[in-house]
Amino acid sequence: MTKIYVCTHKKFNPPPDELYVPLQVGRELQEDLGYLGDNTGDHISYANGYYSELTGLYWIWKNDTASDIVGTCHYRRYLLNDHGAIFTEPEIQELLQNYDVITTKNLDLNYSYYEGFGENHKIYYLKELEKVLRRVVPEDYPVYEKLVHEKHTYFGNMMIASKRVYDDYCNWLFSILFEMERNIEIDEPDSYHRRIFGFLSEFLFYVYVVARGLKVKECKVGMIAEKAEITEIKREIAKYFQVSDLDGAKKYFLECCSKRPDIMMEASDITGELHLCMEVMAIAGLEKKQGLPCLLDYVTDYQELMDLCNRLNHFVIGELHDSLTAEEKEAFEALKAEEYVSTVALDVARKMFENNTQAHRYVKV
């Protein structure tokens, strides 16, 4: 029997295939959504604020004794087969005849994992992890020491494997994390940074795979929805835009970024609209600073602002790459002639994309 558990903290529409089983994580701390919960049997549901979806992984390890193959994914992120669809049970069973584990693509980082972790979290946690690794799994420490200074990792705590491999991994992982928990103090101002064990486990999975010499089938990840938090942030910013409250929008946006630095990551802002909101605020702010009429004096509807920035960015990118058609050039000139499109707006868009190799991520054409 094969089961893929879909970790969630909110209501969602599960895939129709019964292979995929919704599992509410942190259920002991939340209302009952009506799904299978990680707060029964042997569980650590109460620690979800620090372990994130790992409370679901722990529950599967300890409580699913019937499945031969198990996996984990997220309510809005799924591992995809080579055709871009979610896996079926026969596909999984066939793959695991030749591979030990199915997981995400190995990320190519801009910096070493060590440097990147230090940029986003307190390096204290990584140093404490190293001490624990030396004590608990000294045979694997040399692999960790090598990989932590390289630029690769898996992400998302998404995997599919035989229950034997899955159990061995969880036994290894939680022996490390529980020892670490006993020896550190987690003092973080927000819920995002508090999920320290969830962050560390993504890299630890990579260490485990390499240390065991496992054969890995790496897959693309399909995103089917944005985070509920992102939808709420966009809704609130739209309210500020509607009443031309630039200062209120900026203050609210900065507070959100402070509490949840992950909201600007590609996996969170999947439509790029928060980046477009930043563009609106940058344009309006500079216009005000220069004593010009402000963009929000002309356009206040959220969707109209998003459409405007998408059009402006599309034309500017084409201009920078000298790839505009004659019709697009004519349409661009017409847009520039509009009263609400200032030279400031054009300058902001050009500066955004002059050195941006992923420019089209923020443009819907």
Protein backbone atom coordinates (compact mmCIF):
# COMPACT_ATOMS: atom_id res chain seq x y z
CA MET A 1 0.00 0.00 0.00
CA THR A 2 1.18 3.51 -0.88
CA LYS A 3 0.14 6.77 0.78
CA ILE A 4 1.23 10.32 0.02
CA TYR A 5 0.36 12.58 2.95
CA VAL A 6 -0.53 16.16 2.03
CA CYS A 7 0.55 18.33 4.97
CA THR A 8 -1.76 21.28 5.53
CA HIS A 9 -2.82 23.86 8.10
CA LYS A 10 -5.82 25.15 6.09
CA LYS A 11 -8.80 23.89 4.12
CA PHE A 12 -7.95 23.01 0.52
CA ASN A 13 -9.13 20.88 -2.39
CA PRO A 14 -7.16 17.62 -2.23
CA PRO A 15 -6.28 15.76 -5.45
CA PRO A 16 -9.11 13.37 -6.38
CA ASP A 17 -6.71 10.40 -6.32
CA GLU A 18 -7.16 8.62 -2.97
CA LEU A 19 -3.41 8.05 -2.95
CA TYR A 20 -3.16 11.59 -1.54
CA VAL A 21 -4.26 11.81 2.10
CA PRO A 22 -4.72 15.26 3.74
CA LEU A 23 -2.86 15.47 7.05
CA GLN A 24 -3.48 18.49 9.26
CA VAL A 25 -0.22 19.44 10.96
CA GLY A 26 -0.10 21.32 14.25
CA ARG A 27 -3.67 20.19 14.82
CA GLU A 28 -3.27 20.26 18.59
CA LEU A 29 -2.77 24.03 18.29
CA GLN A 30 -5.52 24.71 15.72
CA GLU A 31 -9.18 24.09 15.03
CA ASP A 32 -10.09 20.71 13.60
CA LEU A 33 -10.36 21.01 9.80
CA GLY A 34 -11.90 17.56 9.46
CA TYR A 35 -8.76 15.90 8.10
CA LEU A 36 -6.56 13.22 9.55
CA GLY A 37 -4.54 14.97 12.25
CA ASP A 38 -1.01 14.72 13.59
CA ASN A 39 -2.26 14.94 17.19
CA THR A 40 -3.17 11.28 17.69
CA GLY A 41 -1.13 8.30 18.82
CA ASP A 42 2.57 8.99 19.24
CA HIS A 43 2.89 12.63 18.18
CA ILE A 44 4.64 16.01 18.58
CA SER A 45 1.79 18.13 17.21
CA TYR A 46 2.23 20.58 20.09
CA ALA A 47 5.71 21.49 18.78
CA ASN A 48 4.53 22.50 15.29
CA GLY A 49 5.56 26.12 15.85
CA TYR A 50 9.20 24.97 15.93
CA TYR A 51 9.07 21.90 13.69
CA SER A 52 6.57 23.05 11.02
CA GLU A 53 5.55 20.15 8.70
CA LEU A 54 8.00 17.86 10.52
CA THR A 55 5.27 17.17 13.07
CA GLY A 56 3.49 15.45 10.18
CA LEU A 57 6.60 13.49 9.19
CA TYR A 58 6.98 12.33 12.78
CA TRP A 59 3.34 11.22 12.92
CA ILE A 60 3.70 9.18 9.71
CA TRP A 61 6.87 7.56 11.02
CA LYS A 62 5.28 6.53 14.31
CA ASN A 63 1.68 5.80 13.32
CA ASP A 64 1.50 4.52 9.74
CA THR A 65 2.37 0.86 10.20
CA ALA A 66 0.40 -0.45 7.21
CA SER A 67 1.96 1.31 4.20
CA ASP A 68 4.86 -0.10 2.20
CA ILE A 69 5.58 3.26 0.56
CA VAL A 70 4.93 6.70 2.04
CA GLY A 71 5.52 10.27 0.98
CA THR A 72 4.92 13.88 1.98
CA CYS A 73 3.99 16.97 0.03
CA HIS A 74 2.15 20.22 0.79
CA TYR A 75 -1.41 21.40 0.20
CA ARG A 76 -0.17 23.73 -2.54
CA ARG A 77 3.07 22.00 -3.63
CA TYR A 78 3.34 18.55 -5.17
CA LEU A 79 6.11 16.46 -6.69
CA LEU A 80 5.54 16.08 -10.44
CA ASN A 81 6.37 13.29 -12.84
CA ASP A 82 8.28 13.82 -16.09
CA HIS A 83 5.05 14.87 -17.81
CA GLY A 84 4.28 17.62 -15.29
CA ALA A 85 1.48 15.77 -13.49
CA ILE A 86 1.23 14.53 -9.93
CA PHE A 87 2.36 10.95 -9.44
CA THR A 88 0.07 7.95 -9.57
CA GLU A 89 0.66 4.89 -7.42
CA PRO A 90 1.87 2.67 -10.32
CA GLU A 91 4.39 5.37 -11.35
CA ILE A 92 5.76 5.58 -7.83
CA GLN A 93 6.05 1.82 -7.44
CA GLU A 94 7.87 1.53 -10.77
CA LEU A 95 10.31 4.35 -9.95
CA LEU A 96 11.18 2.91 -6.55
CA GLN A 97 12.33 -0.27 -8.22
CA ASN A 98 15.27 1.76 -9.52
CA TYR A 99 15.55 4.63 -7.01
CA ASP A 100 15.72 4.81 -3.22
CA VAL A 101 13.88 8.12 -2.90
CA ILE A 102 11.85 10.56 -4.98
CA THR A 103 12.26 14.21 -4.02
CA THR A 104 12.69 17.77 -5.30
CA LYS A 105 15.30 19.08 -7.68
CA ASN A 106 18.60 19.81 -5.96
CA LEU A 107 18.73 23.57 -5.59
CA ASP A 108 21.70 25.53 -6.91
CA LEU A 109 22.24 28.25 -4.30
CA ASN A 110 23.91 31.62 -4.85
CA TYR A 111 26.04 31.11 -1.74
CA SER A 112 27.14 28.17 0.33
CA TYR A 113 24.45 26.79 2.61
CA TYR A 114 26.46 28.04 5.58
CA GLU A 115 26.56 31.62 4.23
CA GLY A 116 22.93 31.56 3.15
CA PHE A 117 21.73 30.28 6.50
CA GLY A 118 23.63 33.02 8.28
CA GLU A 119 21.97 35.64 6.09
CA ASN A 120 18.46 34.48 7.00
CA HIS A 121 18.80 32.98 10.49
CA LYS A 122 21.03 33.14 13.52
CA ILE A 123 24.22 31.25 12.75
CA TYR A 124 24.06 30.12 16.39
CA TYR A 125 21.59 27.39 15.40
CA LEU A 126 23.86 25.99 12.71
CA LYS A 127 26.84 25.96 15.07
CA GLU A 128 24.79 24.12 17.68
CA LEU A 129 23.66 21.64 15.03
CA GLU A 130 27.30 20.90 14.24
CA LYS A 131 28.00 20.08 17.89
CA VAL A 132 25.05 17.71 17.99
CA LEU A 133 26.06 15.98 14.76
CA ARG A 134 29.52 15.30 16.18
CA ARG A 135 27.92 13.65 19.24
CA VAL A 136 24.95 11.83 17.76
CA VAL A 137 26.08 10.80 14.25
CA PRO A 138 29.86 11.36 14.15
CA GLU A 139 30.18 9.04 11.15
CA ASP A 140 28.09 11.50 9.08
CA TYR A 141 29.76 14.69 10.24
CA PRO A 142 32.45 14.71 7.49
CA VAL A 143 29.69 14.66 4.85
CA TYR A 144 27.91 17.53 6.58
CA GLU A 145 31.15 19.51 6.88
CA LYS A 146 31.73 19.17 3.13
CA LEU A 147 28.18 19.90 1.98
CA VAL A 148 27.51 22.86 4.27
CA HIS A 149 30.22 24.83 2.45
CA GLU A 150 28.85 23.92 -0.98
CA LYS A 151 25.90 25.47 -2.81
CA HIS A 152 23.26 22.74 -2.93
CA THR A 153 20.28 21.48 -0.93
CA TYR A 154 16.87 19.86 -1.27
CA PHE A 155 13.87 21.83 -0.10
CA GLY A 156 10.35 21.60 1.24
CA ASN A 157 10.63 18.33 3.19
CA MET A 158 8.90 16.59 0.28
CA MET A 159 9.87 13.00 -0.44
CA ILE A 160 8.56 9.57 -1.39
CA ALA A 161 10.31 6.37 -0.33
CA SER A 162 9.75 2.87 0.95
CA LYS A 163 8.56 2.91 4.55
CA ARG A 164 11.84 1.22 5.47
CA VAL A 165 13.93 4.10 4.08
CA TYR A 166 11.46 6.67 5.41
CA ASP A 167 11.60 5.22 8.94
CA ASP A 168 15.40 5.05 8.90
CA TYR A 169 15.59 8.68 7.82
CA CYS A 170 13.13 9.85 10.49
CA ASN A 171 14.94 7.89 13.19
CA TRP A 172 18.19 9.59 12.11
CA LEU A 173 16.65 13.05 11.75
CA PHE A 174 14.71 13.21 15.00
CA SER A 175 17.56 11.77 17.05
CA ILE A 176 19.52 14.83 15.90
CA LEU A 177 16.76 17.42 16.29
CA PHE A 178 15.55 16.22 19.69
CA GLU A 179 19.11 16.34 21.02
CA MET A 180 19.50 19.81 19.60
CA GLU A 181 16.20 20.92 21.15
CA ARG A 182 17.48 19.85 24.57
CA ASN A 183 20.59 21.99 24.20
CA ILE A 184 19.48 25.28 22.64
CA GLU A 185 17.35 28.27 23.46
CA ILE A 186 15.00 29.42 20.67
CA ASP A 187 14.33 33.10 21.12
CA GLU A 188 12.70 34.52 17.98
CA PRO A 189 10.26 37.44 17.61
CA ASP A 190 8.10 35.90 14.87
CA SER A 191 6.57 32.57 13.86
CA TYR A 192 8.63 32.33 10.68
CA HIS A 193 12.05 32.32 12.34
CA ARG A 194 10.76 30.11 15.14
CA ARG A 195 10.42 27.16 12.73
CA ILE A 196 14.14 26.52 13.02
CA PHE A 197 13.99 22.71 12.97
CA GLY A 198 11.91 22.77 9.81
CA PHE A 199 14.53 24.88 8.05
CA LEU A 200 17.47 22.79 9.21
CA SER A 201 15.79 19.52 8.23
CA GLU A 202 15.71 20.45 4.55
CA PHE A 203 19.51 20.49 4.45
CA LEU A 204 19.81 17.53 6.79
CA PHE A 205 17.79 15.45 4.34
CA TYR A 206 20.42 16.28 1.70
CA VAL A 207 23.16 15.21 4.13
CA TYR A 208 21.35 11.94 4.86
CA VAL A 209 20.91 11.13 1.17
CA VAL A 210 24.56 11.79 0.33
CA ALA A 211 25.90 10.04 3.44
CA ARG A 212 23.85 6.92 2.64
CA GLY A 213 24.68 7.03 -1.07
CA LEU A 214 20.98 6.84 -1.95
CA LYS A 215 19.90 6.84 -5.57
CA VAL A 216 17.58 9.83 -6.04
CA LYS A 217 14.90 10.62 -8.61
CA GLU A 218 14.75 14.42 -8.62
CA CYS A 219 11.46 16.00 -9.70
CA LYS A 220 9.94 19.35 -10.46
CA VAL A 221 7.55 20.81 -7.91
CA GLY A 222 4.11 21.98 -8.98
CA MET A 223 2.60 25.03 -7.28
CA ILE A 224 -1.19 24.99 -7.36
CA ALA A 225 -1.97 27.91 -5.05
CA GLU A 226 -0.37 30.74 -3.14
CA LYS A 227 -0.05 30.87 0.62
CA ALA A 228 -3.14 32.01 2.49
CA GLU A 229 -0.95 34.66 4.15
CA ILE A 230 -0.01 36.11 0.75
CA THR A 231 -3.66 36.41 -0.28
CA GLU A 232 -4.42 38.28 2.95
CA ILE A 233 -1.46 40.65 2.51
CA LYS A 234 -2.50 41.48 -1.05
CA ARG A 235 -6.07 42.10 0.13
CA GLU A 236 -4.90 44.54 2.80
CA ILE A 237 -2.52 46.39 0.47
CA ALA A 238 -5.40 46.75 -2.01
CA LYS A 239 -7.39 48.55 0.70
CA TYR A 240 -4.58 51.08 1.20
CA PHE A 241 -4.23 51.61 -2.55
CA GLN A 242 -7.99 52.14 -2.87
CA VAL A 243 -7.85 55.21 -0.60
CA SER A 244 -4.48 56.44 -1.98
CA ASP A 245 -2.79 55.81 1.38
CA LEU A 246 0.79 55.30 0.24
CA ASP A 247 2.30 55.71 3.72
CA GLY A 248 -0.14 53.18 5.19
CA ALA A 249 0.60 50.67 2.43
CA LYS A 250 4.37 51.03 2.90
CA LYS A 251 4.16 50.70 6.67
CA TYR A 252 1.93 47.63 6.47
CA PHE A 253 4.10 46.00 3.80
CA LEU A 254 7.32 46.55 5.77
CA GLU A 255 5.72 45.11 8.92
CA CYS A 256 4.69 42.01 6.95
CA CYS A 257 8.20 41.59 5.53
CA SER A 258 9.67 41.93 9.02
CA LYS A 259 7.39 39.25 10.43
CA ARG A 260 7.51 36.96 7.39
CA PRO A 261 10.67 37.49 5.30
CA ASP A 262 9.66 34.52 3.16
CA ILE A 263 6.72 36.34 1.55
CA MET A 264 8.94 37.73 -1.20
CA MET A 265 10.41 34.36 -2.13
CA GLU A 266 9.35 32.86 -5.45
CA ALA A 267 7.66 29.93 -3.72
CA SER A 268 5.45 32.38 -1.81
CA ASP A 269 4.85 35.24 -4.25
CA ILE A 270 4.09 32.87 -7.10
CA THR A 271 2.21 35.49 -9.19
CA GLY A 272 4.84 38.18 -8.59
CA GLU A 273 2.13 40.58 -7.42
CA LEU A 274 3.89 41.56 -4.19
CA HIS A 275 6.85 42.64 -6.32
CA LEU A 276 4.42 44.67 -8.42
CA CYS A 277 3.03 46.23 -5.23
CA MET A 278 6.59 47.24 -4.35
CA GLU A 279 6.89 48.80 -7.80
CA VAL A 280 3.68 50.78 -7.32
CA MET A 281 4.91 52.05 -3.95
CA ALA A 282 8.36 52.92 -5.35
CA ILE A 283 6.83 54.87 -8.26
CA ALA A 284 4.32 56.74 -6.10
CA GLY A 285 6.90 57.48 -3.40
CA LEU A 286 9.46 58.92 -5.81
CA GLU A 287 6.78 60.95 -7.59
CA LYS A 288 5.71 62.49 -4.29
CA LYS A 289 9.32 63.17 -3.35
CA GLN A 290 9.83 65.04 -6.61
CA GLY A 291 6.63 67.05 -6.16
CA LEU A 292 4.86 65.32 -9.05
CA PRO A 293 1.29 64.00 -9.16
CA CYS A 294 1.29 60.54 -7.59
CA LEU A 295 0.30 57.38 -9.47
CA LEU A 296 -2.25 56.65 -6.72
CA ASP A 297 -3.91 59.99 -7.49
CA TYR A 298 -4.91 58.54 -10.87
CA VAL A 299 -5.28 54.79 -10.36
CA THR A 300 -6.39 53.20 -7.08
CA ASP A 301 -7.96 49.89 -8.11
CA TYR A 302 -5.60 47.03 -7.21
CA GLN A 303 -6.13 44.99 -10.36
CA GLU A 304 -5.76 48.04 -12.59
CA LEU A 305 -2.45 48.84 -10.88
CA MET A 306 -1.23 45.27 -11.36
CA ASP A 307 -2.25 45.34 -15.04
CA LEU A 308 -0.55 48.70 -15.52
CA CYS A 309 2.73 47.50 -14.03
CA ASN A 310 2.58 44.28 -16.03
CA ARG A 311 2.13 46.24 -19.27
CA LEU A 312 4.82 48.74 -18.35
CA ASN A 313 7.28 46.00 -17.40
CA HIS A 314 6.57 43.99 -20.53
CA PHE A 315 7.35 47.00 -22.73
CA VAL A 316 10.42 48.03 -20.73
CA ILE A 317 11.88 44.51 -20.87
CA GLY A 318 11.28 44.42 -24.62
CA GLU A 319 12.91 47.83 -24.93
CA LEU A 320 15.97 46.72 -22.94
CA HIS A 321 16.35 43.60 -25.09
CA ASP A 322 15.43 45.39 -28.34
CA SER A 323 12.73 42.81 -28.95
CA LEU A 324 9.56 44.92 -29.28
CA THR A 325 7.51 44.43 -32.42
CA ALA A 326 6.28 47.46 -34.37
CA GLU A 327 2.82 47.04 -32.82
CA GLU A 328 4.31 46.81 -29.31
CA LYS A 329 6.41 49.93 -29.88
CA GLU A 330 3.27 51.79 -30.94
CA ALA A 331 1.38 50.53 -27.87
CA PHE A 332 4.31 51.51 -25.63
CA GLU A 333 4.30 55.06 -27.01
CA ALA A 334 0.56 55.25 -26.36
CA LEU A 335 1.08 54.08 -22.78
CA LYS A 336 3.84 56.64 -22.18
CA ALA A 337 1.49 59.35 -23.41
CA GLU A 338 -1.01 58.56 -20.65
CA GLU A 339 -1.09 61.21 -17.93
CA TYR A 340 -0.50 58.72 -15.13
CA VAL A 341 2.67 57.21 -16.65
CA SER A 342 5.46 59.56 -15.56
CA THR A 343 9.15 59.51 -16.39
CA VAL A 344 9.60 58.29 -12.80
CA ALA A 345 7.48 55.20 -13.53
CA LEU A 346 9.56 54.45 -16.60
CA ASP A 347 12.82 54.89 -14.70
CA VAL A 348 11.68 52.60 -11.86
CA ALA A 349 10.69 49.85 -14.31
CA ARG A 350 13.94 50.15 -16.24
CA LYS A 351 16.05 49.97 -13.09
CA MET A 352 14.10 46.91 -11.90
CA PHE A 353 15.00 44.93 -15.00
CA GLU A 354 18.33 46.24 -16.22
CA ASN A 355 20.20 43.46 -14.43
CA ASN A 356 17.36 41.03 -13.71
CA THR A 357 17.91 37.70 -15.46
CA GLN A 358 14.47 36.47 -14.30
CA ALA A 359 12.59 39.57 -15.42
CA HIS A 360 9.69 37.74 -17.05
CA ARG A 361 8.76 36.14 -13.71
CA TYR A 362 7.13 39.46 -12.76
CA VAL A 363 5.30 40.02 -16.03
CA LYS A 364 2.13 38.45 -17.35
CA VAL A 365 1.95 38.75 -21.12
